[in-house]
C-alpha atoms as a PDB file:
ATOM      1  CA  MET A   1      29.351  39.352  -2.504  1.00  0.00           C
ATOM      2  CA  GLN A   2      29.157  35.562  -2.030  1.00  0.00           C
ATOM      3  CA  ARG A   3      29.213  35.995   1.768  1.00  0.00           C
ATOM      4  CA  ARG A   4      26.373  38.515   1.504  1.00  0.00           C
ATOM      5  CA  HIS A   5      24.315  36.075  -0.573  1.00  0.00           C
ATOM      6  CA  LEU A   6      24.901  33.334   2.001  1.00  0.00           C
ATOM      7  CA  MET A   7      23.888  35.665   4.811  1.00  0.00           C
ATOM      8  CA  LEU A   8      20.715  36.670   2.994  1.00  0.00           C
ATOM      9  CA  ALA A   9      19.879  33.028   2.283  1.00  0.00           C
ATOM     10  CA  GLY A  10      20.371  32.174   5.942  1.00  0.00           C
ATOM     11  CA  ILE A  11      18.153  35.047   7.016  1.00  0.00           C
ATOM     12  CA  ALA A  12      15.455  33.941   4.557  1.00  0.00           C
ATOM     13  CA  LEU A  13      15.510  30.358   5.857  1.00  0.00           C
ATOM     14  CA  ALA A  14      15.345  31.487   9.454  1.00  0.00           C
ATOM     15  CA  ALA A  15      12.476  33.809   8.600  1.00  0.00           C
ATOM     16  CA  SER A  16      10.547  30.993   6.915  1.00  0.00           C
ATOM     17  CA  ALA A  17      10.882  28.796  10.017  1.00  0.00           C
ATOM     18  CA  HIS A  18       9.846  31.697  12.228  1.00  0.00           C
ATOM     19  CA  ALA A  19       6.864  32.392   9.989  1.00  0.00           C
ATOM     20  CA  LEU A  20       5.705  28.788  10.332  1.00  0.00           C
ATOM     21  CA  ALA A  21       5.077  29.284  14.020  1.00  0.00           C
ATOM     22  CA  ASP A  22       3.917  32.881  13.963  1.00  0.00           C
ATOM     23  CA  SER A  23       1.614  33.018  10.930  1.00  0.00           C
ATOM     24  CA  GLY A  24      -1.397  31.859  12.898  1.00  0.00           C
ATOM     25  CA  LYS A  25      -2.212  29.509  10.027  1.00  0.00           C
ATOM     26  CA  PRO A  26      -2.722  25.910  11.192  1.00  0.00           C
ATOM     27  CA  ILE A  27      -0.561  23.089   9.909  1.00  0.00           C
ATOM     28  CA  ARG A  28      -2.530  20.552   7.875  1.00  0.00           C
ATOM     29  CA  LEU A  29      -1.439  16.947   8.518  1.00  0.00           C
ATOM     30  CA  ILE A  30      -2.843  14.744   5.756  1.00  0.00           C
ATOM     31  CA  VAL A  31      -3.409  11.123   6.759  1.00  0.00           C
ATOM     32  CA  PRO A  32      -4.019   9.107   3.575  1.00  0.00           C
ATOM     33  CA  TYR A  33      -6.227   6.582   5.368  1.00  0.00           C
ATOM     34  CA  ALA A  34      -9.632   6.584   7.019  1.00  0.00           C
ATOM     35  CA  ALA A  35     -10.210   7.874  10.547  1.00  0.00           C
ATOM     36  CA  GLY A  36     -10.166   5.500  13.483  1.00  0.00           C
ATOM     37  CA  GLY A  37      -7.203   3.263  12.657  1.00  0.00           C
ATOM     38  CA  PRO A  38      -3.764   3.229  14.323  1.00  0.00           C
ATOM     39  CA  LEU A  39      -2.257   5.668  11.770  1.00  0.00           C
ATOM     40  CA  ASP A  40      -5.028   8.170  12.403  1.00  0.00           C
ATOM     41  CA  ILE A  41      -5.036   7.773  16.188  1.00  0.00           C
ATOM     42  CA  THR A  42      -1.270   8.175  16.546  1.00  0.00           C
ATOM     43  CA  SER A  43      -1.310  11.212  14.237  1.00  0.00           C
ATOM     44  CA  ARG A  44      -3.982  12.911  16.330  1.00  0.00           C
ATOM     45  CA  ALA A  45      -2.137  12.128  19.556  1.00  0.00           C
ATOM     46  CA  LEU A  46       1.064  13.622  18.156  1.00  0.00           C
ATOM     47  CA  ALA A  47      -0.723  16.677  16.773  1.00  0.00           C
ATOM     48  CA  GLU A  48      -1.978  17.415  20.276  1.00  0.00           C
ATOM     49  CA  ARG A  49       1.544  17.106  21.727  1.00  0.00           C
ATOM     50  CA  VAL A  50       3.119  19.692  19.375  1.00  0.00           C
ATOM     51  CA  LYS A  51       0.533  22.478  19.640  1.00  0.00           C
ATOM     52  CA  ASP A  52       2.699  24.470  22.076  1.00  0.00           C
ATOM     53  CA  SER A  53       5.684  24.507  19.713  1.00  0.00           C
ATOM     54  CA  LEU A  54       3.993  24.516  16.295  1.00  0.00           C
ATOM     55  CA  GLY A  55       0.511  25.861  16.955  1.00  0.00           C
ATOM     56  CA  VAL A  56      -2.627  24.108  15.760  1.00  0.00           C
ATOM     57  CA  VAL A  57      -2.098  20.951  13.708  1.00  0.00           C
ATOM     58  CA  VAL A  58      -5.274  19.789  11.959  1.00  0.00           C
ATOM     59  CA  VAL A  59      -5.441  16.113  10.965  1.00  0.00           C
ATOM     60  CA  ASP A  60      -7.151  15.725   7.590  1.00  0.00           C
ATOM     61  CA  ASN A  61      -8.083  12.179   6.517  1.00  0.00           C
ATOM     62  CA  LYS A  62      -7.897  11.693   2.748  1.00  0.00           C
ATOM     63  CA  PRO A  63      -8.248   7.961   2.048  1.00  0.00           C
ATOM     64  CA  GLY A  64      -8.387   6.435  -1.411  1.00  0.00           C
ATOM     65  CA  ALA A  65      -6.341   4.579  -4.035  1.00  0.00           C
ATOM     66  CA  GLY A  66      -4.386   2.621  -1.450  1.00  0.00           C
ATOM     67  CA  GLY A  67      -3.144   5.809   0.194  1.00  0.00           C
ATOM     68  CA  ASN A  68      -2.063   7.435  -3.073  1.00  0.00           C
ATOM     69  CA  LEU A  69      -4.789  10.063  -3.043  1.00  0.00           C
ATOM     70  CA  GLY A  70      -3.720  11.686   0.213  1.00  0.00           C
ATOM     71  CA  SER A  71      -0.013  11.290  -0.502  1.00  0.00           C
ATOM     72  CA  ASP A  72      -0.444  13.036  -3.845  1.00  0.00           C
ATOM     73  CA  LEU A  73      -2.079  15.992  -2.092  1.00  0.00           C
ATOM     74  CA  VAL A  74       1.032  16.311   0.080  1.00  0.00           C
ATOM     75  CA  ALA A  75       3.378  16.010  -2.904  1.00  0.00           C
ATOM     76  CA  LYS A  76       1.591  18.819  -4.744  1.00  0.00           C
ATOM     77  CA  ALA A  77       1.091  21.160  -1.776  1.00  0.00           C
ATOM     78  CA  ALA A  78       3.001  24.411  -1.346  1.00  0.00           C
ATOM     79  CA  PRO A  79       6.407  23.654   0.213  1.00  0.00           C
ATOM     80  CA  ASP A  80       6.014  26.075   3.102  1.00  0.00           C
ATOM     81  CA  GLY A  81       5.564  23.690   6.028  1.00  0.00           C
ATOM     82  CA  HIS A  82       1.845  24.335   6.370  1.00  0.00           C
ATOM     83  CA  THR A  83       0.959  21.024   4.700  1.00  0.00           C
ATOM     84  CA  ILE A  84       2.648  17.816   5.791  1.00  0.00           C
ATOM     85  CA  GLY A  85       1.590  14.208   5.537  1.00  0.00           C
ATOM     86  CA  LEU A  86       1.938  10.673   6.680  1.00  0.00           C
ATOM     87  CA  ALA A  87       4.239   8.367   4.701  1.00  0.00           C
ATOM     88  CA  ALA A  88       3.607   4.664   5.276  1.00  0.00           C
ATOM     89  CA  VAL A  89       5.066   1.370   4.102  1.00  0.00           C
ATOM     90  CA  ALA A  90       2.303   1.116   1.469  1.00  0.00           C
ATOM     91  CA  THR A  91       2.438   4.667   0.115  1.00  0.00           C
ATOM     92  CA  HIS A  92       6.219   5.001   0.012  1.00  0.00           C
ATOM     93  CA  ALA A  93       7.637   1.471  -0.321  1.00  0.00           C
ATOM     94  CA  ILE A  94       5.020  -0.848  -1.874  1.00  0.00           C
ATOM     95  CA  ASN A  95       2.759   1.269  -4.087  1.00  0.00           C
ATOM     96  CA  PRO A  96       5.586   2.518  -6.351  1.00  0.00           C
ATOM     97  CA  TRP A  97       5.998  -1.084  -7.563  1.00  0.00           C
ATOM     98  CA  LEU A  98       2.358  -2.136  -7.274  1.00  0.00           C
ATOM     99  CA  PHE A  99       0.581   0.583  -9.267  1.00  0.00           C
ATOM    100  CA  ALA A 100       1.095   0.723 -13.025  1.00  0.00           C
ATOM    101  CA  LYS A 101       0.822   4.516 -12.877  1.00  0.00           C
ATOM    102  CA  MET A 102       1.692   6.559  -9.796  1.00  0.00           C
ATOM    103  CA  PRO A 103       0.509  10.163  -9.335  1.00  0.00           C
ATOM    104  CA  TYR A 104       3.678  11.050  -7.415  1.00  0.00           C
ATOM    105  CA  ASP A 105       7.321   9.990  -7.187  1.00  0.00           C
ATOM    106  CA  ALA A 106       7.841   8.504  -3.727  1.00  0.00           C
ATOM    107  CA  ALA A 107      11.601   9.029  -3.954  1.00  0.00           C
ATOM    108  CA  LYS A 108      11.646  12.632  -5.201  1.00  0.00           C
ATOM    109  CA  ASP A 109       8.430  14.441  -4.307  1.00  0.00           C
ATOM    110  CA  PHE A 110       8.795  14.479  -0.517  1.00  0.00           C
ATOM    111  CA  ALA A 111      11.091  15.896   2.143  1.00  0.00           C
ATOM    112  CA  PRO A 112      11.402  13.495   5.102  1.00  0.00           C
ATOM    113  CA  ILE A 113      10.759  14.928   8.563  1.00  0.00           C
ATOM    114  CA  THR A 114      10.994  11.955  10.922  1.00  0.00           C
ATOM    115  CA  GLN A 115       9.918   8.361  11.209  1.00  0.00           C
ATOM    116  CA  MET A 116       7.081   8.189  13.684  1.00  0.00           C
ATOM    117  CA  VAL A 117       6.043   4.633  14.495  1.00  0.00           C
ATOM    118  CA  ARG A 118       7.113   1.023  14.158  1.00  0.00           C
ATOM    119  CA  VAL A 119       4.549  -1.729  14.801  1.00  0.00           C
ATOM    120  CA  PRO A 120       5.551  -5.397  14.893  1.00  0.00           C
ATOM    121  CA  ASN A 121       3.665  -7.732  12.603  1.00  0.00           C
ATOM    122  CA  VAL A 122       2.532 -11.084  13.922  1.00  0.00           C
ATOM    123  CA  LEU A 123       1.773 -14.438  12.309  1.00  0.00           C
ATOM    124  CA  VAL A 124      -1.582 -15.485  13.747  1.00  0.00           C
ATOM    125  CA  MET A 125      -3.824 -18.496  13.240  1.00  0.00           C
ATOM    126  CA  ASN A 126      -7.468 -18.980  13.961  1.00  0.00           C
ATOM    127  CA  ALA A 127      -7.229 -20.579  17.423  1.00  0.00           C
ATOM    128  CA  ASP A 128      -9.778 -23.315  16.680  1.00  0.00           C
ATOM    129  CA  THR A 129      -8.028 -24.215  13.421  1.00  0.00           C
ATOM    130  CA  ALA A 130      -4.663 -24.367  15.166  1.00  0.00           C
ATOM    131  CA  ALA A 131      -6.065 -26.692  17.858  1.00  0.00           C
ATOM    132  CA  ARG A 132      -7.782 -28.932  15.294  1.00  0.00           C
ATOM    133  CA  LEU A 133      -4.610 -29.283  13.229  1.00  0.00           C
ATOM    134  CA  HIS A 134      -2.354 -29.556  16.304  1.00  0.00           C
ATOM    135  CA  ILE A 135      -0.327 -26.511  15.241  1.00  0.00           C
ATOM    136  CA  ASN A 136       1.379 -24.855  18.199  1.00  0.00           C
ATOM    137  CA  THR A 137       4.498 -23.378  16.594  1.00  0.00           C
ATOM    138  CA  VAL A 138       5.720 -21.958  13.295  1.00  0.00           C
ATOM    139  CA  GLY A 139       7.564 -25.249  12.778  1.00  0.00           C
ATOM    140  CA  ASP A 140       4.268 -27.119  13.100  1.00  0.00           C
ATOM    141  CA  LEU A 141       2.621 -24.804  10.571  1.00  0.00           C
ATOM    142  CA  ILE A 142       5.446 -25.240   8.062  1.00  0.00           C
ATOM    143  CA  ALA A 143       5.501 -29.024   8.522  1.00  0.00           C
ATOM    144  CA  TYR A 144       1.740 -29.282   7.959  1.00  0.00           C
ATOM    145  CA  ALA A 145       1.879 -27.035   4.900  1.00  0.00           C
ATOM    146  CA  ARG A 146       4.691 -29.097   3.371  1.00  0.00           C
ATOM    147  CA  LYS A 147       2.734 -32.309   3.858  1.00  0.00           C
ATOM    148  CA  ASN A 148      -0.491 -30.729   2.606  1.00  0.00           C
ATOM    149  CA  PRO A 149       0.399 -28.257  -0.165  1.00  0.00           C
ATOM    150  CA  GLY A 150      -2.467 -25.916  -1.013  1.00  0.00           C
ATOM    151  CA  LYS A 151      -4.715 -26.996   1.859  1.00  0.00           C
ATOM    152  CA  LEU A 152      -3.953 -23.990   4.048  1.00  0.00           C
ATOM    153  CA  ASN A 153      -4.872 -20.461   3.060  1.00  0.00           C
ATOM    154  CA  TYR A 154      -4.114 -17.006   4.350  1.00  0.00           C
ATOM    155  CA  GLY A 155      -5.943 -13.724   4.054  1.00  0.00           C
ATOM    156  CA  SER A 156      -4.844 -10.153   3.498  1.00  0.00           C
ATOM    157  CA  GLY A 157      -6.286  -6.703   2.959  1.00  0.00           C
ATOM    158  CA  GLY A 158      -5.865  -7.066  -0.802  1.00  0.00           C
ATOM    159  CA  ASN A 159      -3.459  -7.912  -3.602  1.00  0.00           C
ATOM    160  CA  GLY A 160      -0.214  -6.075  -3.013  1.00  0.00           C
ATOM    161  CA  SER A 161      -1.081  -5.146   0.568  1.00  0.00           C
ATOM    162  CA  ALA A 162       1.577  -5.387   3.264  1.00  0.00           C
ATOM    163  CA  GLY A 163      -0.096  -8.527   4.625  1.00  0.00           C
ATOM    164  CA  HIS A 164      -0.106 -10.152   1.177  1.00  0.00           C
ATOM    165  CA  LEU A 165       3.560  -9.425   0.559  1.00  0.00           C
ATOM    166  CA  ALA A 166       4.579 -10.558   4.051  1.00  0.00           C
ATOM    167  CA  GLY A 167       2.678 -13.779   3.377  1.00  0.00           C
ATOM    168  CA  GLU A 168       4.525 -14.299   0.102  1.00  0.00           C
ATOM    169  CA  MET A 169       7.864 -13.678   1.825  1.00  0.00           C
ATOM    170  CA  PHE A 170       6.907 -16.251   4.465  1.00  0.00           C
ATOM    171  CA  LYS A 171       5.910 -18.829   1.844  1.00  0.00           C
ATOM    172  CA  GLN A 172       9.161 -18.369  -0.050  1.00  0.00           C
ATOM    173  CA  GLY A 173      11.317 -18.499   3.069  1.00  0.00           C
ATOM    174  CA  ALA A 174       9.522 -21.572   4.410  1.00  0.00           C
ATOM    175  CA  GLY A 175       9.384 -23.383   1.080  1.00  0.00           C
ATOM    176  CA  ILE A 176       5.618 -23.961   1.268  1.00  0.00           C
ATOM    177  CA  PHE A 177       2.571 -23.384  -0.908  1.00  0.00           C
ATOM    178  CA  THR A 178      -0.550 -21.916   0.667  1.00  0.00           C
ATOM    179  CA  VAL A 179      -3.402 -20.104  -1.045  1.00  0.00           C
ATOM    180  CA  HIS A 180      -3.688 -16.323  -0.788  1.00  0.00           C
ATOM    181  CA  ILE A 181      -7.215 -14.943  -0.392  1.00  0.00           C
ATOM    182  CA  PRO A 182      -7.381 -11.149  -0.813  1.00  0.00           C
ATOM    183  CA  TYR A 183     -10.100  -9.114   0.887  1.00  0.00           C
ATOM    184  CA  ASN A 184     -11.171  -5.519   0.458  1.00  0.00           C
ATOM    185  CA  GLY A 185      -9.277  -4.140   3.436  1.00  0.00           C
ATOM    186  CA  GLY A 186      -7.702  -5.268   6.680  1.00  0.00           C
ATOM    187  CA  ASN A 187     -10.932  -5.486   8.689  1.00  0.00           C
ATOM    188  CA  PRO A 188     -12.664  -7.958   6.323  1.00  0.00           C
ATOM    189  CA  ALA A 189      -9.469 -10.051   6.273  1.00  0.00           C
ATOM    190  CA  GLN A 190      -9.433 -10.161  10.068  1.00  0.00           C
ATOM    191  CA  LEU A 191     -13.125 -11.117  10.208  1.00  0.00           C
ATOM    192  CA  ALA A 192     -12.438 -13.918   7.714  1.00  0.00           C
ATOM    193  CA  LEU A 193      -9.689 -15.243   9.977  1.00  0.00           C
ATOM    194  CA  LEU A 194     -11.856 -15.024  13.096  1.00  0.00           C
ATOM    195  CA  SER A 195     -14.699 -16.881  11.372  1.00  0.00           C
ATOM    196  CA  GLY A 196     -12.396 -19.622  10.089  1.00  0.00           C
ATOM    197  CA  GLN A 197     -12.732 -18.756   6.410  1.00  0.00           C
ATOM    198  CA  VAL A 198      -8.940 -18.462   6.281  1.00  0.00           C
ATOM    199  CA  ASP A 199      -6.366 -20.287   8.388  1.00  0.00           C
ATOM    200  CA  TYR A 200      -3.726 -17.657   9.113  1.00  0.00           C
ATOM    201  CA  ASN A 201      -2.779 -14.040   8.476  1.00  0.00           C
ATOM    202  CA  ILE A 202       0.266 -11.871   8.959  1.00  0.00           C
ATOM    203  CA  ASP A 203      -1.180  -8.748  10.528  1.00  0.00           C
ATOM    204  CA  ASN A 204       0.118  -5.790  12.474  1.00  0.00           C
ATOM    205  CA  LEU A 205       0.113  -6.304  16.218  1.00  0.00           C
ATOM    206  CA  ALA A 206      -1.996  -3.205  16.859  1.00  0.00           C
ATOM    207  CA  THR A 207      -4.881  -4.818  14.983  1.00  0.00           C
ATOM    208  CA  ALA A 208      -4.386  -8.420  16.110  1.00  0.00           C
ATOM    209  CA  ALA A 209      -3.607  -7.875  19.812  1.00  0.00           C
ATOM    210  CA  PRO A 210      -7.184  -7.728  21.199  1.00  0.00           C
ATOM    211  CA  ASN A 211      -8.091 -11.055  19.576  1.00  0.00           C
ATOM    212  CA  ILE A 212      -4.819 -12.623  20.684  1.00  0.00           C
ATOM    213  CA  LYS A 213      -5.574 -11.580  24.258  1.00  0.00           C
ATOM    214  CA  SER A 214      -9.117 -12.922  24.045  1.00  0.00           C
ATOM    215  CA  GLY A 215      -7.861 -16.305  22.807  1.00  0.00           C
ATOM    216  CA  LYS A 216      -9.599 -16.121  19.425  1.00  0.00           C
ATOM    217  CA  LEU A 217      -6.271 -15.949  17.607  1.00  0.00           C
ATOM    218  CA  LYS A 218      -3.104 -17.905  18.299  1.00  0.00           C
ATOM    219  CA  ALA A 219       0.129 -15.939  17.877  1.00  0.00           C
ATOM    220  CA  LEU A 220       2.864 -18.130  16.402  1.00  0.00           C
ATOM    221  CA  ALA A 221       5.605 -15.562  15.753  1.00  0.00           C
ATOM    222  CA  VAL A 222       6.402 -11.884  15.504  1.00  0.00           C
ATOM    223  CA  THR A 223       8.059 -10.647  12.339  1.00  0.00           C
ATOM    224  CA  THR A 224      10.590  -8.393  14.057  1.00  0.00           C
ATOM    225  CA  ALA A 225      14.220  -9.539  14.046  1.00  0.00           C
ATOM    226  CA  LYS A 226      14.145  -9.887  17.833  1.00  0.00           C
ATOM    227  CA  PRO A 227      11.390 -10.816  20.313  1.00  0.00           C
ATOM    228  CA  SER A 228       8.930  -8.021  21.002  1.00  0.00           C
ATOM    229  CA  SER A 229       8.314  -6.830  24.550  1.00  0.00           C
ATOM    230  CA  MET A 230       4.746  -6.168  23.441  1.00  0.00           C
ATOM    231  CA  LEU A 231       4.116  -9.899  22.978  1.00  0.00           C
ATOM    232  CA  PRO A 232       6.180 -11.763  25.603  1.00  0.00           C
ATOM    233  CA  GLY A 233       6.873 -15.424  24.958  1.00  0.00           C
ATOM    234  CA  VAL A 234       6.191 -15.268  21.211  1.00  0.00           C
ATOM    235  CA  PRO A 235       9.375 -15.961  19.218  1.00  0.00           C
ATOM    236  CA  PRO A 236      10.514 -14.020  16.149  1.00  0.00           C
ATOM    237  CA  LEU A 237       9.911 -15.664  12.789  1.00  0.00           C
ATOM    238  CA  ALA A 238      13.624 -15.113  12.145  1.00  0.00           C
ATOM    239  CA  ASN A 239      14.317 -17.970  14.572  1.00  0.00           C
ATOM    240  CA  THR A 240      12.807 -20.297  11.950  1.00  0.00           C
ATOM    241  CA  ILE A 241      13.454 -18.390   8.718  1.00  0.00           C
ATOM    242  CA  LYS A 242      16.829 -16.700   8.907  1.00  0.00           C
ATOM    243  CA  GLY A 243      16.799 -12.989   8.179  1.00  0.00           C
ATOM    244  CA  PHE A 244      13.001 -12.646   8.080  1.00  0.00           C
ATOM    245  CA  GLU A 245      12.001  -9.169   9.207  1.00  0.00           C
ATOM    246  CA  VAL A 246       8.889  -7.176   8.288  1.00  0.00           C
ATOM    247  CA  ASP A 247       7.562  -4.200  10.233  1.00  0.00           C
ATOM    248  CA  THR A 248       4.638  -1.879   9.705  1.00  0.00           C
ATOM    249  CA  TRP A 249       5.865   1.722   9.880  1.00  0.00           C
ATOM    250  CA  TRP A 250       4.863   5.271   9.176  1.00  0.00           C
ATOM    251  CA  GLY A 251       6.371   8.716   9.483  1.00  0.00           C
ATOM    252  CA  LEU A 252       6.058  12.370   8.552  1.00  0.00           C
ATOM    253  CA  VAL A 253       6.987  14.062   5.285  1.00  0.00           C
ATOM    254  CA  ALA A 254       6.599  17.493   3.693  1.00  0.00           C
ATOM    255  CA  PRO A 255       6.505  18.443   0.001  1.00  0.00           C
ATOM    256  CA  ALA A 256       9.890  18.433  -1.706  1.00  0.00           C
ATOM    257  CA  GLY A 257      11.447  21.883  -1.694  1.00  0.00           C
ATOM    258  CA  THR A 258      10.321  22.746   1.818  1.00  0.00           C
ATOM    259  CA  PRO A 259      13.115  24.928   3.298  1.00  0.00           C
ATOM    260  CA  ARG A 260      15.557  23.062   5.500  1.00  0.00           C
ATOM    261  CA  ALA A 261      14.980  25.455   8.393  1.00  0.00           C
ATOM    262  CA  VAL A 262      11.280  24.570   8.308  1.00  0.00           C
ATOM    263  CA  ILE A 263      12.050  20.840   8.164  1.00  0.00           C
ATOM    264  CA  ASP A 264      14.391  21.221  11.141  1.00  0.00           C
ATOM    265  CA  LYS A 265      11.726  23.053  13.128  1.00  0.00           C
ATOM    266  CA  LEU A 266       9.146  20.380  12.367  1.00  0.00           C
ATOM    267  CA  ASN A 267      11.624  17.621  13.168  1.00  0.00           C
ATOM    268  CA  ALA A 268      12.546  19.186  16.518  1.00  0.00           C
ATOM    269  CA  ALA A 269       8.907  19.542  17.558  1.00  0.00           C
ATOM    270  CA  PHE A 270       7.770  16.085  16.485  1.00  0.00           C
ATOM    271  CA  THR A 271      10.805  14.147  17.739  1.00  0.00           C
ATOM    272  CA  THR A 272      10.515  15.873  21.128  1.00  0.00           C
ATOM    273  CA  ALA A 273       6.863  14.810  21.236  1.00  0.00           C
ATOM    274  CA  LEU A 274       7.727  11.239  20.197  1.00  0.00           C
ATOM    275  CA  LYS A 275      10.263  10.946  23.024  1.00  0.00           C
ATOM    276  CA  SER A 276       7.878  12.174  25.721  1.00  0.00           C
ATOM    277  CA  PRO A 277       6.684   9.619  28.307  1.00  0.00           C
ATOM    278  CA  GLU A 278       3.091  10.574  27.562  1.00  0.00           C
ATOM    279  CA  THR A 279       3.444   9.697  23.873  1.00  0.00           C
ATOM    280  CA  GLN A 280       5.221   6.440  24.628  1.00  0.00           C
ATOM    281  CA  GLN A 281       2.494   5.397  27.062  1.00  0.00           C
ATOM    282  CA  ARG A 282      -0.259   6.356  24.627  1.00  0.00           C
ATOM    283  CA  PHE A 283       1.356   4.533  21.715  1.00  0.00           C
ATOM    284  CA  ALA A 284       2.046   1.451  23.840  1.00  0.00           C
ATOM    285  CA  LEU A 285      -1.704   0.992  24.237  1.00  0.00           C
ATOM    286  CA  LEU A 286      -1.808   0.636  20.444  1.00  0.00           C
ATOM    287  CA  MET A 287       1.142  -1.791  20.426  1.00  0.00           C
ATOM    288  CA  ALA A 288       3.075   0.906  18.564  1.00  0.00           C
ATOM    289  CA  GLU A 289       6.673   1.928  19.263  1.00  0.00           C
ATOM    290  CA  PRO A 290       7.526   5.623  18.766  1.00  0.00           C
ATOM    291  CA  VAL A 291      10.585   6.099  16.537  1.00  0.00           C
ATOM    292  CA  ALA A 292      12.244   9.525  16.408  1.00  0.00           C
ATOM    293  CA  THR A 293      14.850  10.025  13.668  1.00  0.00           C
ATOM    294  CA  THR A 294      16.646  12.751  11.761  1.00  0.00           C
ATOM    295  CA  PRO A 295      15.247  13.635   8.325  1.00  0.00           C
ATOM    296  CA  GLU A 296      18.261  11.924   6.730  1.00  0.00           C
ATOM    297  CA  GLN A 297      17.735   8.713   8.695  1.00  0.00           C
ATOM    298  CA  PHE A 298      14.075   8.520   7.706  1.00  0.00           C
ATOM    299  CA  GLY A 299      14.865   9.267   4.066  1.00  0.00           C
ATOM    300  CA  GLN A 300      17.514   6.544   3.936  1.00  0.00           C
ATOM    301  CA  PHE A 301      15.168   4.107   5.675  1.00  0.00           C
ATOM    302  CA  MET A 302      12.442   4.689   3.074  1.00  0.00           C
ATOM    303  CA  ASP A 303      14.976   4.219   0.271  1.00  0.00           C
ATOM    304  CA  ARG A 304      15.973   0.845   1.736  1.00  0.00           C
ATOM    305  CA  GLU A 305      12.350  -0.213   2.162  1.00  0.00           C
ATOM    306  CA  ARG A 306      11.521   0.670  -1.460  1.00  0.00           C
ATOM    307  CA  ALA A 307      14.488  -1.348  -2.679  1.00  0.00           C
ATOM    308  CA  ARG A 308      13.494  -4.292  -0.467  1.00  0.00           C
ATOM    309  CA  TYR A 309       9.893  -4.430  -1.629  1.00  0.00           C
ATOM    310  CA  GLU A 310      10.566  -4.105  -5.364  1.00  0.00           C
ATOM    311  CA  PRO A 311      11.475  -7.790  -5.930  1.00  0.00           C
ATOM    312  CA  VAL A 312       8.796  -8.954  -3.468  1.00  0.00           C
ATOM    313  CA  VAL A 313       6.020  -7.137  -5.335  1.00  0.00           C
ATOM    314  CA  LYS A 314       7.286  -8.309  -8.738  1.00  0.00           C
ATOM    315  CA  ARG A 315       7.605 -11.891  -7.522  1.00  0.00           C
ATOM    316  CA  SER A 316       4.055 -11.836  -6.143  1.00  0.00           C
ATOM    317  CA  GLY A 317       2.619 -10.833  -9.517  1.00  0.00           C
ATOM    318  CA  ALA A 318       0.352  -8.272  -7.840  1.00  0.00           C
ATOM    319  CA  LYS A 319      -0.490  -5.243  -9.978  1.00  0.00           C
ATOM    320  CA  VAL A 320      -2.996  -2.420  -9.819  1.00  0.00           C
ATOM    321  CA  ASP A 321      -3.817  -0.742 -13.136  1.00  0.00           C
END
């Protein structure tokens, strides 16, 4: 009897995976951020790559509440594989500690599919400010800040944003005091840096790269543990502050309870697409590194990231009611 139950369960799981491809119903990929940014562009590129194996994948942008709005739609969707979503460092590692009340449980309400992207962050200064203050290296920046506490400031996309928390980690590791100026989003923060309203930012390389190339921003360090091939000649911040490592990342998740056979089918299709030369070339233009993992690896990675950001958020004092 037990063997029969196991056989029936196996048949049901296989049937659910088969139905995912053959139902004719498109897969809805919810991106909890606005269209046009790196998360949206990479999602659309990947959706195009998997249409032969999964059928039509429709990217649906649902921004709002720091990414919580779209993520909550994924958490509460039917666990049949027809609705999946993007999990990012904010939605699944920072927001659980930042928001006083979360609409979903980042640890329990999702089934990981695969990590998708890793983007190095970079410590950048306004080039004119760096020249005026004779700051050419991270060591120069730290030395100036120690001699002039509170005179330098840095911008971010808002209180509790990845850029804010990376800045607080940098301040603590360097033993300096600089003033945090929050803006309403990453684009206003970047414009403030370019105009000289703030002195430095820690931003993702995908966003900062064009202005680094044009000479408007001076790259002092990448926040990956090792040098990045995407920014040759720029040292890792870990060379100055031991153990410093902050990446921007995102990946794919389904609602909790999605059958394992469906998760495996989604994982196989998306990881194959992530490993393709075409995807790697496309993502490289965005300064983004494709990362294909097993569901278990991505789940464990998100657990570690949540644990890492908890004390950082609490130490920063940032809170969203």
